Amino acid sequence: MEHKELLEAVVNELLDEVSLGLCFEIHRACKLGTFLLDEMDSESQRLYEIVNNKGLDVFGQVPTAKKQYDCICPNCYRNMAASRFAPHLEKCMGMGGSVPRVASRRIASSQKKCIELLIINSRAT
């Protein structure tokens, strides 16, 4: 009789463990909102199927060439590629090795032009 009771205790423990694990998984999926994500009709499944064709991305679309991002320098208002923005700004603002002299001359000349324009505009009005 002891052998039968031991076997029954092991089976009951396994059933409890499996059913409790299943309950925890369902509870977690309900809390996270992922419980019904696996159930999909055939049309929806076809729409979201991964495409494995040459020349197409995983969504079945032809990949387009990425456009480079453009930035405008806040100092000289030049338009340039984002990959060149940091080095340009460093030179334009006069920060770096021998660059400060060139940049400070450029800034001074642009300020001089602005002042001249202001004077001309003030005389015209």
Protein backbone atom coordinates (compact mmCIF):
# COMPACT_ATOMS: atom_id res chain seq x y z
CA MET A 1 0.00 0.00 0.00
CA GLU A 2 2.83 2.40 0.74
CA HIS A 3 4.07 2.18 -2.85
CA LYS A 4 0.62 3.16 -4.20
CA GLU A 5 0.33 6.12 -1.80
CA LEU A 6 3.80 7.34 -2.74
CA LEU A 7 2.97 7.11 -6.46
CA GLU A 8 -0.32 8.96 -5.88
CA ALA A 9 1.49 11.74 -3.95
CA VAL A 10 4.04 12.19 -6.79
CA VAL A 11 1.32 12.31 -9.46
CA ASN A 12 -0.72 14.81 -7.44
CA GLU A 13 2.38 16.98 -6.90
CA LEU A 14 3.13 16.95 -10.64
CA LEU A 15 -0.47 17.85 -11.52
CA ASP A 16 -0.47 20.67 -8.98
CA GLU A 17 2.83 22.00 -10.32
CA VAL A 18 1.72 21.91 -13.97
CA SER A 19 -1.71 23.44 -13.32
CA LEU A 20 -0.24 26.17 -11.09
CA GLY A 21 2.38 26.98 -13.77
CA LEU A 22 -0.33 27.22 -16.41
CA CYS A 23 -2.42 29.51 -14.18
CA PHE A 24 0.59 31.79 -13.60
CA GLU A 25 1.35 31.97 -17.34
CA ILE A 26 -2.27 32.85 -18.20
CA HIS A 27 -2.45 35.43 -15.41
CA ARG A 28 0.81 37.06 -16.55
CA ALA A 29 -0.33 37.14 -20.19
CA CYS A 30 -3.64 38.75 -19.16
CA LYS A 31 -1.86 41.37 -17.05
CA LEU A 32 0.56 42.22 -19.88
CA GLY A 33 -2.21 42.22 -22.49
CA THR A 34 -0.59 39.48 -24.57
CA PHE A 35 -3.09 36.71 -23.89
CA LEU A 36 -4.93 36.83 -27.23
CA LEU A 37 -2.01 37.85 -29.44
CA ASP A 38 -1.33 34.29 -30.60
CA GLU A 39 -4.85 33.82 -31.95
CA MET A 40 -5.07 35.24 -35.46
CA ASP A 41 -7.27 34.52 -38.43
CA SER A 42 -5.66 33.35 -41.67
CA GLU A 43 -6.07 36.72 -43.42
CA SER A 44 -4.30 38.62 -40.64
CA GLN A 45 -1.62 35.97 -40.53
CA ARG A 46 -1.02 36.42 -44.27
CA LEU A 47 -0.78 40.21 -43.86
CA TYR A 48 1.91 39.95 -41.19
CA GLU A 49 3.83 37.05 -42.67
CA ILE A 50 7.58 37.55 -43.06
CA VAL A 51 8.60 37.77 -46.72
CA ASN A 52 11.79 36.04 -47.77
CA ASN A 53 12.22 37.22 -51.37
CA LYS A 54 15.36 38.68 -52.88
CA GLY A 55 15.19 42.45 -53.29
CA LEU A 56 12.38 42.91 -50.75
CA ASP A 57 12.45 43.65 -47.04
CA VAL A 58 10.71 41.44 -44.44
CA PHE A 59 7.43 43.30 -45.07
CA GLY A 60 7.52 42.65 -48.83
CA GLN A 61 8.34 46.22 -49.81
CA VAL A 62 11.20 47.46 -51.97
CA PRO A 63 13.73 49.16 -49.68
CA THR A 64 14.33 52.80 -50.50
CA ALA A 65 17.65 54.59 -50.23
CA LYS A 66 17.92 56.50 -47.00
CA LYS A 67 18.04 60.26 -47.34
CA GLN A 68 20.82 61.87 -45.39
CA TYR A 69 19.72 64.18 -42.64
CA ASP A 70 20.56 67.83 -43.19
CA CYS A 71 21.51 70.31 -40.51
CA ILE A 72 21.68 74.08 -40.58
CA CYS A 73 24.59 75.72 -38.84
CA PRO A 74 23.32 78.15 -36.19
CA ASN A 75 26.35 80.36 -36.76
CA CYS A 76 26.64 80.75 -40.53
CA TYR A 77 23.27 79.22 -41.58
CA ARG A 78 24.85 76.84 -44.08
CA ASN A 79 23.01 73.63 -44.92
CA MET A 80 25.12 70.44 -44.61
CA ALA A 81 24.91 66.69 -44.06
CA ALA A 82 24.52 65.64 -40.45
CA SER A 83 27.73 63.63 -40.65
CA ARG A 84 29.67 66.84 -41.37
CA PHE A 85 27.84 69.05 -38.87
CA ALA A 86 30.06 68.55 -35.80
CA PRO A 87 33.38 69.19 -37.59
CA HIS A 88 31.90 72.21 -39.38
CA LEU A 89 30.49 73.67 -36.18
CA GLU A 90 33.83 73.22 -34.44
CA LYS A 91 35.57 75.19 -37.19
CA CYS A 92 32.80 77.71 -37.59
CA MET A 93 32.61 78.54 -33.90
CA GLY A 94 36.39 78.77 -33.65
CA MET A 95 37.04 75.84 -31.35
CA GLY A 96 39.94 73.60 -32.17
CA GLY A 97 43.64 73.72 -33.13
CA SER A 98 44.62 76.54 -35.51
CA VAL A 99 41.06 77.17 -36.55
CA PRO A 100 40.16 79.98 -34.11
CA ARG A 101 41.95 82.65 -36.11
CA VAL A 102 40.16 81.77 -39.35
CA ALA A 103 36.79 81.46 -37.64
CA SER A 104 37.18 84.70 -35.70
CA ARG A 105 38.02 86.53 -38.93
CA ARG A 106 34.97 85.02 -40.61
CA ILE A 107 32.73 85.96 -37.67
CA ALA A 108 34.11 89.49 -37.59
CA SER A 109 33.53 89.96 -41.31
CA SER A 110 29.96 88.61 -41.09
CA GLN A 111 29.24 90.93 -38.16
CA LYS A 112 30.67 93.83 -40.13
CA LYS A 113 28.35 93.01 -43.05
CA CYS A 114 25.37 92.85 -40.68
CA ILE A 115 26.23 96.24 -39.20
CA GLU A 116 26.60 97.73 -42.68
CA LEU A 117 23.19 96.35 -43.67
CA LEU A 118 21.62 97.81 -40.53
CA ILE A 119 23.11 101.21 -41.28
CA ILE A 120 21.91 101.12 -44.89
CA ASN A 121 18.42 100.06 -43.78
CA SER A 122 18.25 102.76 -41.12
CA ARG A 123 19.20 105.45 -43.67
CA ALA A 124 16.57 104.19 -46.11
CA THR A 125 13.74 104.61 -43.59
